[in-house]
Each structure stands twice: as structure tokens, then as C-alpha cells.
Amino acid sequence: QVQLVESGGGSVQAGGSLRLSCAASGYTYSVNCMGWFRQTPGKEREGVATINTGDSRVFYAGSVKGRFTISQDNAKNTVFLQMNSLKPEDTAMYYCATIPRVGYGRCTPDGTQYNYWGQGTQVTVSS
């Protein structure tokens, strides 16, 4: 079974930066979808960014494009989310998720299609 562990969350002021990390283990296949999602009470879960670990194709939600960057370190089985120019509306619980054994191409931002999830890391942005 795949295990995902997030880290790097915290509290920052608007305009600040954070880098989230997701350490993965238990993979059998090398081509997978990895995604970052966020959730706030009363709001629908949002797919923030995704990356295909096989061809490095990425996706960004319009709300974060230009501010957030998703990347991977395959040697360490880790995916990152660099978050710059943070805004109060970025406040949420951030989750890492994966779909093992996929083909090349864009990874869906639909969280219902992801099979494994981490426990989340809280990001709080104050004004």
C-alpha cells in the first residue's frame, strides 16, 4: 500500500512563502499522478496542482497559477509545492494524493479519482 506524509505547513502573513513536501513510499510503478488539494470548512475540495511523475506534465488551478509551483525529486520519492505570494484565501488544509500506475499526460485535478491520501498539513495566511 502507498503511504503519503505531508509536511511544511504553518502560519505566515500575506505575501509570504511556504514549501510543502509530500514523501511517498510503497510504489510499485514509476509513472504516477501526484496532486495537491486543499480543503476549508464548508467549501468544496480544490485541486491545486498536479504532476505526472513519468513525463513531468503539470497542472495548476487558475487561483494559484503564477504563485505556486509543483515539482518532484524522484530520487527521494518526494513532491513539493512551493507557495509564494500567499493570500488569506489560500488558508486551508493541504493534502497530497496519488493515482498509481497511470499513463503519460496531464493528471486530473479531480480528487475523487485519487486513490491514496496523506493526512494533511495546515496552511494559515493572515492579513
C-alpha atoms as a PDB file:
ATOM      1  CA  GLN A   1       0.000   0.000   0.000  1.00  0.00           C
ATOM      2  CA  VAL A   2       1.115   3.555  -0.751  1.00  0.00           C
ATOM      3  CA  GLN A   3       1.872   5.877   2.144  1.00  0.00           C
ATOM      4  CA  LEU A   4       1.997   9.671   1.835  1.00  0.00           C
ATOM      5  CA  VAL A   5       3.259  12.032   4.531  1.00  0.00           C
ATOM      6  CA  GLU A   6       2.927  15.816   4.192  1.00  0.00           C
ATOM      7  CA  SER A   7       4.994  18.436   5.964  1.00  0.00           C
ATOM      8  CA  GLY A   8       5.863  22.112   5.726  1.00  0.00           C
ATOM      9  CA  GLY A   9       2.634  23.814   6.688  1.00  0.00           C
ATOM     10  CA  GLY A  10       2.454  26.700   9.105  1.00  0.00           C
ATOM     11  CA  SER A  11       1.287  30.249   9.689  1.00  0.00           C
ATOM     12  CA  VAL A  12       2.534  33.153   7.586  1.00  0.00           C
ATOM     13  CA  GLN A  13       1.491  36.674   6.753  1.00  0.00           C
ATOM     14  CA  ALA A  14       0.076  37.633   3.394  1.00  0.00           C
ATOM     15  CA  GLY A  15       2.816  37.871   0.811  1.00  0.00           C
ATOM     16  CA  GLY A  16       4.928  35.232   2.485  1.00  0.00           C
ATOM     17  CA  SER A  17       6.015  31.826   1.243  1.00  0.00           C
ATOM     18  CA  LEU A  18       5.846  28.203   2.303  1.00  0.00           C
ATOM     19  CA  ARG A  19       7.078  24.979   0.768  1.00  0.00           C
ATOM     20  CA  LEU A  20       5.070  21.831   1.333  1.00  0.00           C
ATOM     21  CA  SER A  21       6.611  18.389   0.991  1.00  0.00           C
ATOM     22  CA  CYS A  22       4.981  15.024   0.357  1.00  0.00           C
ATOM     23  CA  ALA A  23       7.093  11.945   0.961  1.00  0.00           C
ATOM     24  CA  ALA A  24       5.785   8.826  -0.767  1.00  0.00           C
ATOM     25  CA  SER A  25       6.562   5.171  -0.199  1.00  0.00           C
ATOM     26  CA  GLY A  26       5.199   1.814  -1.287  1.00  0.00           C
ATOM     27  CA  TYR A  27       5.047   2.458  -5.045  1.00  0.00           C
ATOM     28  CA  THR A  28       5.269  -0.451  -7.447  1.00  0.00           C
ATOM     29  CA  TYR A  29       5.125   1.611 -10.685  1.00  0.00           C
ATOM     30  CA  SER A  30       7.183   4.601 -11.708  1.00  0.00           C
ATOM     31  CA  VAL A  31       4.539   6.582 -13.625  1.00  0.00           C
ATOM     32  CA  ASN A  32       2.035   8.063 -11.220  1.00  0.00           C
ATOM     33  CA  CYS A  33      -0.118  11.123 -10.736  1.00  0.00           C
ATOM     34  CA  MET A  34       0.660  13.258  -7.720  1.00  0.00           C
ATOM     35  CA  GLY A  35      -1.598  16.089  -6.674  1.00  0.00           C
ATOM     36  CA  TRP A  36      -2.001  18.777  -4.064  1.00  0.00           C
ATOM     37  CA  PHE A  37      -5.518  19.544  -2.869  1.00  0.00           C
ATOM     38  CA  ARG A  38      -6.892  21.953  -0.319  1.00  0.00           C
ATOM     39  CA  GLN A  39      -9.991  21.959   1.823  1.00  0.00           C
ATOM     40  CA  THR A  40     -11.664  24.547   4.035  1.00  0.00           C
ATOM     41  CA  PRO A  41     -14.806  24.011   6.128  1.00  0.00           C
ATOM     42  CA  GLY A  42     -17.942  24.482   4.075  1.00  0.00           C
ATOM     43  CA  LYS A  43     -16.103  24.672   0.764  1.00  0.00           C
ATOM     44  CA  GLU A  44     -15.594  22.153  -1.999  1.00  0.00           C
ATOM     45  CA  ARG A  45     -12.213  20.495  -2.184  1.00  0.00           C
ATOM     46  CA  GLU A  46      -9.987  22.157  -4.770  1.00  0.00           C
ATOM     47  CA  GLY A  47      -7.292  20.556  -6.870  1.00  0.00           C
ATOM     48  CA  VAL A  48      -4.397  22.996  -6.564  1.00  0.00           C
ATOM     49  CA  ALA A  49      -1.678  21.412  -8.673  1.00  0.00           C
ATOM     50  CA  THR A  50      -0.793  18.045 -10.175  1.00  0.00           C
ATOM     51  CA  ILE A  51       2.257  16.454 -11.734  1.00  0.00           C
ATOM     52  CA  ASN A  52       2.816  13.292 -13.744  1.00  0.00           C
ATOM     53  CA  THR A  53       5.932  11.634 -12.361  1.00  0.00           C
ATOM     54  CA  GLY A  54       6.614   9.961 -15.705  1.00  0.00           C
ATOM     55  CA  ASP A  55       6.678  12.927 -18.100  1.00  0.00           C
ATOM     56  CA  SER A  56       6.591  15.814 -15.564  1.00  0.00           C
ATOM     57  CA  ARG A  57       3.447  17.317 -17.076  1.00  0.00           C
ATOM     58  CA  VAL A  58       1.895  19.743 -14.608  1.00  0.00           C
ATOM     59  CA  PHE A  59      -1.460  21.356 -13.960  1.00  0.00           C
ATOM     60  CA  TYR A  60      -2.308  24.431 -11.883  1.00  0.00           C
ATOM     61  CA  ALA A  61      -5.618  25.769 -10.748  1.00  0.00           C
ATOM     62  CA  GLY A  62      -6.307  29.270 -12.014  1.00  0.00           C
ATOM     63  CA  SER A  63      -6.419  30.586  -8.469  1.00  0.00           C
ATOM     64  CA  VAL A  64      -2.760  29.681  -7.862  1.00  0.00           C
ATOM     65  CA  LYS A  65      -1.171  29.805 -11.302  1.00  0.00           C
ATOM     66  CA  GLY A  66       1.863  32.063 -11.273  1.00  0.00           C
ATOM     67  CA  ARG A  67       2.211  31.849  -7.497  1.00  0.00           C
ATOM     68  CA  PHE A  68       2.556  28.116  -6.781  1.00  0.00           C
ATOM     69  CA  THR A  69       4.981  25.627  -8.305  1.00  0.00           C
ATOM     70  CA  ILE A  70       4.778  21.846  -8.097  1.00  0.00           C
ATOM     71  CA  SER A  71       7.958  19.813  -8.500  1.00  0.00           C
ATOM     72  CA  GLN A  72       9.354  16.388  -7.741  1.00  0.00           C
ATOM     73  CA  ASP A  73      12.509  14.689  -6.565  1.00  0.00           C
ATOM     74  CA  ASN A  74      12.233  11.165  -7.922  1.00  0.00           C
ATOM     75  CA  ALA A  75      15.408  10.011  -6.191  1.00  0.00           C
ATOM     76  CA  LYS A  76      13.776  10.776  -2.861  1.00  0.00           C
ATOM     77  CA  ASN A  77      10.187   9.930  -3.899  1.00  0.00           C
ATOM     78  CA  THR A  78       9.060  13.377  -2.846  1.00  0.00           C
ATOM     79  CA  VAL A  79       6.808  16.004  -4.399  1.00  0.00           C
ATOM     80  CA  PHE A  80       6.869  19.672  -3.387  1.00  0.00           C
ATOM     81  CA  LEU A  81       4.521  22.609  -3.557  1.00  0.00           C
ATOM     82  CA  GLN A  82       6.296  25.952  -3.441  1.00  0.00           C
ATOM     83  CA  MET A  83       3.764  28.609  -2.461  1.00  0.00           C
ATOM     84  CA  ASN A  84       4.709  32.248  -2.975  1.00  0.00           C
ATOM     85  CA  SER A  85       2.772  35.491  -2.621  1.00  0.00           C
ATOM     86  CA  LEU A  86       0.367  33.798  -0.250  1.00  0.00           C
ATOM     87  CA  LYS A  87      -3.063  35.301   0.289  1.00  0.00           C
ATOM     88  CA  PRO A  88      -5.544  34.843   3.140  1.00  0.00           C
ATOM     89  CA  GLU A  89      -7.791  32.892   0.780  1.00  0.00           C
ATOM     90  CA  ASP A  90      -5.030  30.286   0.487  1.00  0.00           C
ATOM     91  CA  THR A  91      -5.726  29.292   4.091  1.00  0.00           C
ATOM     92  CA  ALA A  92      -6.724  25.625   4.090  1.00  0.00           C
ATOM     93  CA  MET A  93      -5.751  22.120   4.988  1.00  0.00           C
ATOM     94  CA  TYR A  94      -3.486  20.928   2.191  1.00  0.00           C
ATOM     95  CA  TYR A  95      -3.446  17.278   1.196  1.00  0.00           C
ATOM     96  CA  CYS A  96      -1.161  15.246  -1.016  1.00  0.00           C
ATOM     97  CA  ALA A  97      -2.725  12.440  -3.053  1.00  0.00           C
ATOM     98  CA  THR A  98      -1.686   9.973  -5.739  1.00  0.00           C
ATOM     99  CA  ILE A  99      -3.009   7.740  -8.509  1.00  0.00           C
ATOM    100  CA  PRO A 100      -0.533   4.892  -9.038  1.00  0.00           C
ATOM    101  CA  ARG A 101       0.137   3.304 -12.423  1.00  0.00           C
ATOM    102  CA  VAL A 102      -1.055   5.866 -14.932  1.00  0.00           C
ATOM    103  CA  GLY A 103      -0.042   6.722 -18.472  1.00  0.00           C
ATOM    104  CA  TYR A 104       1.712   9.853 -19.628  1.00  0.00           C
ATOM    105  CA  GLY A 105      -0.150  13.128 -19.797  1.00  0.00           C
ATOM    106  CA  ARG A 106      -1.969  15.629 -17.662  1.00  0.00           C
ATOM    107  CA  CYS A 107      -3.051  14.434 -14.254  1.00  0.00           C
ATOM    108  CA  THR A 108      -6.625  15.201 -13.326  1.00  0.00           C
ATOM    109  CA  PRO A 109      -7.350  17.814 -10.654  1.00  0.00           C
ATOM    110  CA  ASP A 110     -10.449  15.821  -9.631  1.00  0.00           C
ATOM    111  CA  GLY A 111      -9.745  14.491  -6.164  1.00  0.00           C
ATOM    112  CA  THR A 112     -12.375  11.764  -6.445  1.00  0.00           C
ATOM    113  CA  GLN A 113     -10.089   9.940  -8.867  1.00  0.00           C
ATOM    114  CA  TYR A 114      -7.153   9.739  -6.461  1.00  0.00           C
ATOM    115  CA  ASN A 115      -6.608   6.519  -4.581  1.00  0.00           C
ATOM    116  CA  TYR A 116      -4.313   7.377  -1.690  1.00  0.00           C
ATOM    117  CA  TRP A 117      -4.173  10.423   0.547  1.00  0.00           C
ATOM    118  CA  GLY A 118      -1.937  11.872   3.190  1.00  0.00           C
ATOM    119  CA  GLN A 119      -3.220  13.207   6.484  1.00  0.00           C
ATOM    120  CA  GLY A 120      -2.818  16.856   5.531  1.00  0.00           C
ATOM    121  CA  THR A 121      -0.863  19.875   6.683  1.00  0.00           C
ATOM    122  CA  GLN A 122      -2.449  23.161   7.751  1.00  0.00           C
ATOM    123  CA  VAL A 123      -1.601  26.424   5.994  1.00  0.00           C
ATOM    124  CA  THR A 124      -2.805  29.654   7.579  1.00  0.00           C
ATOM    125  CA  VAL A 125      -2.250  33.044   5.939  1.00  0.00           C
ATOM    126  CA  SER A 126      -3.053  36.188   7.898  1.00  0.00           C
ATOM    127  CA  SER A 127      -3.509  39.697   6.558  1.00  0.00           C
END
